[in-house]
Protein backbone atom coordinates (compact mmCIF):
# COMPACT_ATOMS: atom_id res chain seq x y z
CA ILE A 1 155.43 289.75 90.24
CA MET A 2 151.73 289.31 90.96
CA ASP A 3 149.75 286.62 92.76
CA ASN A 4 147.71 285.01 89.96
CA SER A 5 144.90 284.07 92.33
CA ALA A 6 143.92 287.77 92.46
CA ASN A 7 142.97 287.63 88.74
CA ILE A 8 140.32 284.94 89.30
CA PRO A 9 137.01 286.64 89.98
CA ASN A 10 135.16 285.19 92.99
CA LYS A 11 131.52 285.95 93.55
CA ASP A 12 130.42 287.23 96.91
CA PRO A 13 126.89 286.65 98.24
CA ASP A 14 125.64 289.92 96.66
CA GLY A 15 126.61 288.71 93.22
CA GLU A 16 129.54 291.11 92.83
CA SER A 17 132.95 289.83 92.04
CA GLU A 18 135.47 290.12 94.80
CA GLN A 19 137.76 291.89 92.43
CA SER A 20 135.29 294.69 91.72
CA SER A 21 134.56 295.22 95.39
CA LEU A 22 138.31 295.49 95.99
CA ARG A 23 138.55 298.05 93.21
CA ASP A 24 135.79 300.09 94.83
CA ALA A 25 137.48 299.85 98.23
CA HIS A 26 140.78 301.00 96.77
CA ASP A 27 139.68 303.60 94.28
CA LEU A 28 143.09 304.96 93.32
CA SER A 29 141.71 307.61 90.98
CA SER A 30 140.86 309.90 93.92
CA VAL A 31 144.19 309.38 95.70
CA ASP A 32 147.43 311.04 94.65
CA ILE A 33 150.24 308.49 94.91
CA ASP A 34 153.87 309.48 94.97
CA PHE A 35 155.74 307.02 92.73
CA VAL A 36 159.12 308.77 93.06
CA GLY A 37 160.73 306.22 95.38
CA ILE A 38 158.85 303.10 94.27
CA ASP A 39 161.36 302.15 91.54
CA GLU A 40 164.25 302.54 93.99
CA ASP A 41 162.40 300.47 96.60
CA LEU A 42 161.59 297.73 94.04
CA GLU A 43 165.22 297.66 92.93
CA ARG A 44 166.45 297.48 96.51
CA PHE A 45 163.95 294.73 97.38
CA GLN A 46 164.96 292.70 94.32
CA GLN A 47 168.59 292.85 95.45
CA ASP A 48 167.65 291.46 98.89
CA ASP A 49 168.08 287.69 98.75
CA ILE A 50 165.26 286.91 101.19
CA VAL A 51 162.70 289.14 99.51
CA ARG A 52 163.72 287.95 96.05
CA GLN A 53 163.39 284.30 97.10
CA ALA A 54 159.97 284.99 98.69
CA LEU A 55 158.77 286.67 95.52
CA LEU A 56 160.04 283.84 93.31
CA GLU A 57 158.29 281.27 95.46
CA GLY A 58 155.04 283.21 95.41
CA VAL A 59 155.03 283.69 99.19
CA ASP A 60 152.11 285.75 100.50
CA LEU A 61 154.01 288.85 101.56
CA ARG A 62 151.22 290.08 103.84
CA GLY A 63 151.22 286.74 105.67
CA TYR A 64 155.02 286.76 105.75
CA ALA A 65 155.04 290.33 107.12
CA SER A 66 152.48 289.25 109.71
CA GLN A 67 154.61 286.29 110.69
CA ILE A 68 157.70 288.50 110.98
CA GLU A 69 155.73 291.00 113.04
CA GLY A 70 154.64 288.22 115.40
CA GLU A 71 158.22 286.98 115.74
CA LEU A 72 159.35 290.52 116.35
CA ARG A 73 156.76 290.97 119.12
CA GLN A 74 157.88 287.65 120.65
CA VAL A 75 161.54 288.72 120.59
CA GLU A 76 160.55 292.10 122.03
CA GLN A 77 158.65 290.44 124.87
CA GLU A 78 161.61 288.12 125.57
CA SER A 79 163.87 291.18 125.60
CA VAL A 80 161.61 292.97 128.07
CA ARG A 81 161.46 289.83 130.28
CA GLU A 82 165.22 289.55 130.18
CA TYR A 83 165.64 293.23 131.05
CA VAL A 84 163.23 292.85 134.00
CA ALA A 85 165.11 289.71 135.10
CA GLN A 86 168.36 291.67 134.93
CA ALA A 87 166.91 294.76 136.69
CA ASP A 88 168.62 293.94 140.01
CA LYS A 89 171.97 293.70 138.21
CA VAL A 90 171.32 296.98 136.42
CA VAL A 91 170.49 298.66 139.73
CA GLU A 92 173.67 297.23 141.28
CA LEU A 93 175.69 298.38 138.30
CA HIS A 94 174.18 301.86 138.60
CA ARG A 95 175.08 301.87 142.32
CA GLN A 96 178.66 300.84 141.52
CA ILE A 97 178.96 303.49 138.85
CA ARG A 98 177.76 306.16 141.27
CA ALA A 99 180.23 304.94 143.91
CA ALA A 100 183.04 305.00 141.35
CA ASP A 101 182.04 308.52 140.30
CA ALA A 102 182.10 309.62 143.97
CA THR A 103 185.54 308.03 144.44
CA LEU A 104 186.85 309.65 141.32
CA ALA A 105 185.47 313.04 142.48
CA ARG A 106 187.30 312.66 145.82
CA MET A 107 190.50 311.67 144.02
CA LEU A 108 190.17 314.69 141.74
CA GLU A 109 189.72 316.95 144.72
CA MET A 110 192.74 315.43 146.41
CA LEU A 111 194.86 315.75 143.23
CA LEU A 112 193.81 319.34 142.81
CA GLY A 113 194.92 319.93 146.42
CA PHE A 114 198.27 318.27 145.69
CA GLN A 115 198.61 320.36 142.58
CA ALA A 116 198.01 323.54 144.58
CA ASP A 117 200.52 322.40 147.25
CA LEU A 118 203.12 321.60 144.57
CA GLY A 119 202.47 325.01 143.02
CA GLY A 120 203.18 326.60 146.43
CA ILE A 121 206.29 324.45 146.93
CA SER A 122 207.46 325.34 143.45
CA ASP A 123 207.07 329.05 144.29
CA GLU A 124 209.05 328.52 147.52
CA ILE A 125 211.79 326.70 145.65
CA LYS A 126 212.03 329.50 143.08
CA HIS A 127 212.18 332.08 145.91
CA LEU A 128 214.94 330.07 147.65
CA GLN A 129 216.85 329.76 144.39
CA ASP A 130 216.62 333.54 143.89
CA GLU A 131 217.83 334.11 147.47
CA SER A 132 220.65 331.61 146.92
CA ILE A 133 221.75 333.41 143.79
CA THR A 134 221.63 336.76 145.60
CA MET A 135 223.64 335.38 148.56
CA ASN A 136 226.15 333.81 146.15
CA VAL A 137 226.65 337.16 144.40
CA LYS A 138 227.09 338.87 147.80
CA LEU A 139 229.61 336.22 148.85
CA ARG A 140 231.67 336.63 145.68
CA ASN A 141 231.54 340.43 146.07
CA ARG A 142 232.72 340.14 149.73
CA ARG A 143 235.54 337.77 148.82
CA ALA A 144 236.63 340.08 146.01
CA ALA A 145 236.47 343.05 148.41
CA GLU A 146 238.39 341.08 151.06
CA GLU A 147 241.07 340.15 148.60
CA ARG A 148 241.48 343.76 147.41
CA LEU A 149 241.42 345.06 150.96
CA GLY A 150 244.02 342.47 151.94
CA ARG A 151 246.34 343.51 149.09
CA PHE A 152 245.77 347.16 149.92
CA LEU A 153 246.56 346.56 153.60
CA GLU A 154 249.73 344.72 152.67
CA HIS A 155 250.89 347.74 150.73
CA ILE A 156 250.02 350.35 153.36
CA VAL A 157 251.12 348.51 156.47
CA VAL A 158 254.28 349.93 157.95
CA PRO A 159 256.74 347.21 158.81
CA PRO A 160 257.67 347.14 162.52
CA GLU A 161 261.25 348.03 161.83
CA LEU A 162 260.13 351.26 160.19
CA ALA A 163 257.84 352.22 162.92
């Protein structure tokens, strides 16, 4: 879609048409243009509702782009002003995050200490269990020996009447 006003030759003060001076300024014969993606771009732009509507209405796309660029600058400036206005809150948030990180580091250190202590306690419990098992085996062996010795003594003891 082309702007039809570009086809009307206007004369400049030198007597040349505006169109011919534009052609000289944009001599495309000496420039290699890559047209590979142009069809894809045109197709994509035609699918965009806003661009399609602007093209159908004959909107000056350069002016429209300039307007959008101005609005974008304005929004950017507002964003910067808002960021500057919120700078104190950002600094406070940063301070709080650092304090939370320090607290978490201390908690981690404390938990690692507890973990090491629990590991030591676990080793002690295992050692005590091993000792308990050993003592239990010794106790059973002593009781068994006592029982055998008791029966043996009953058999070898001389009754007082025989003595």
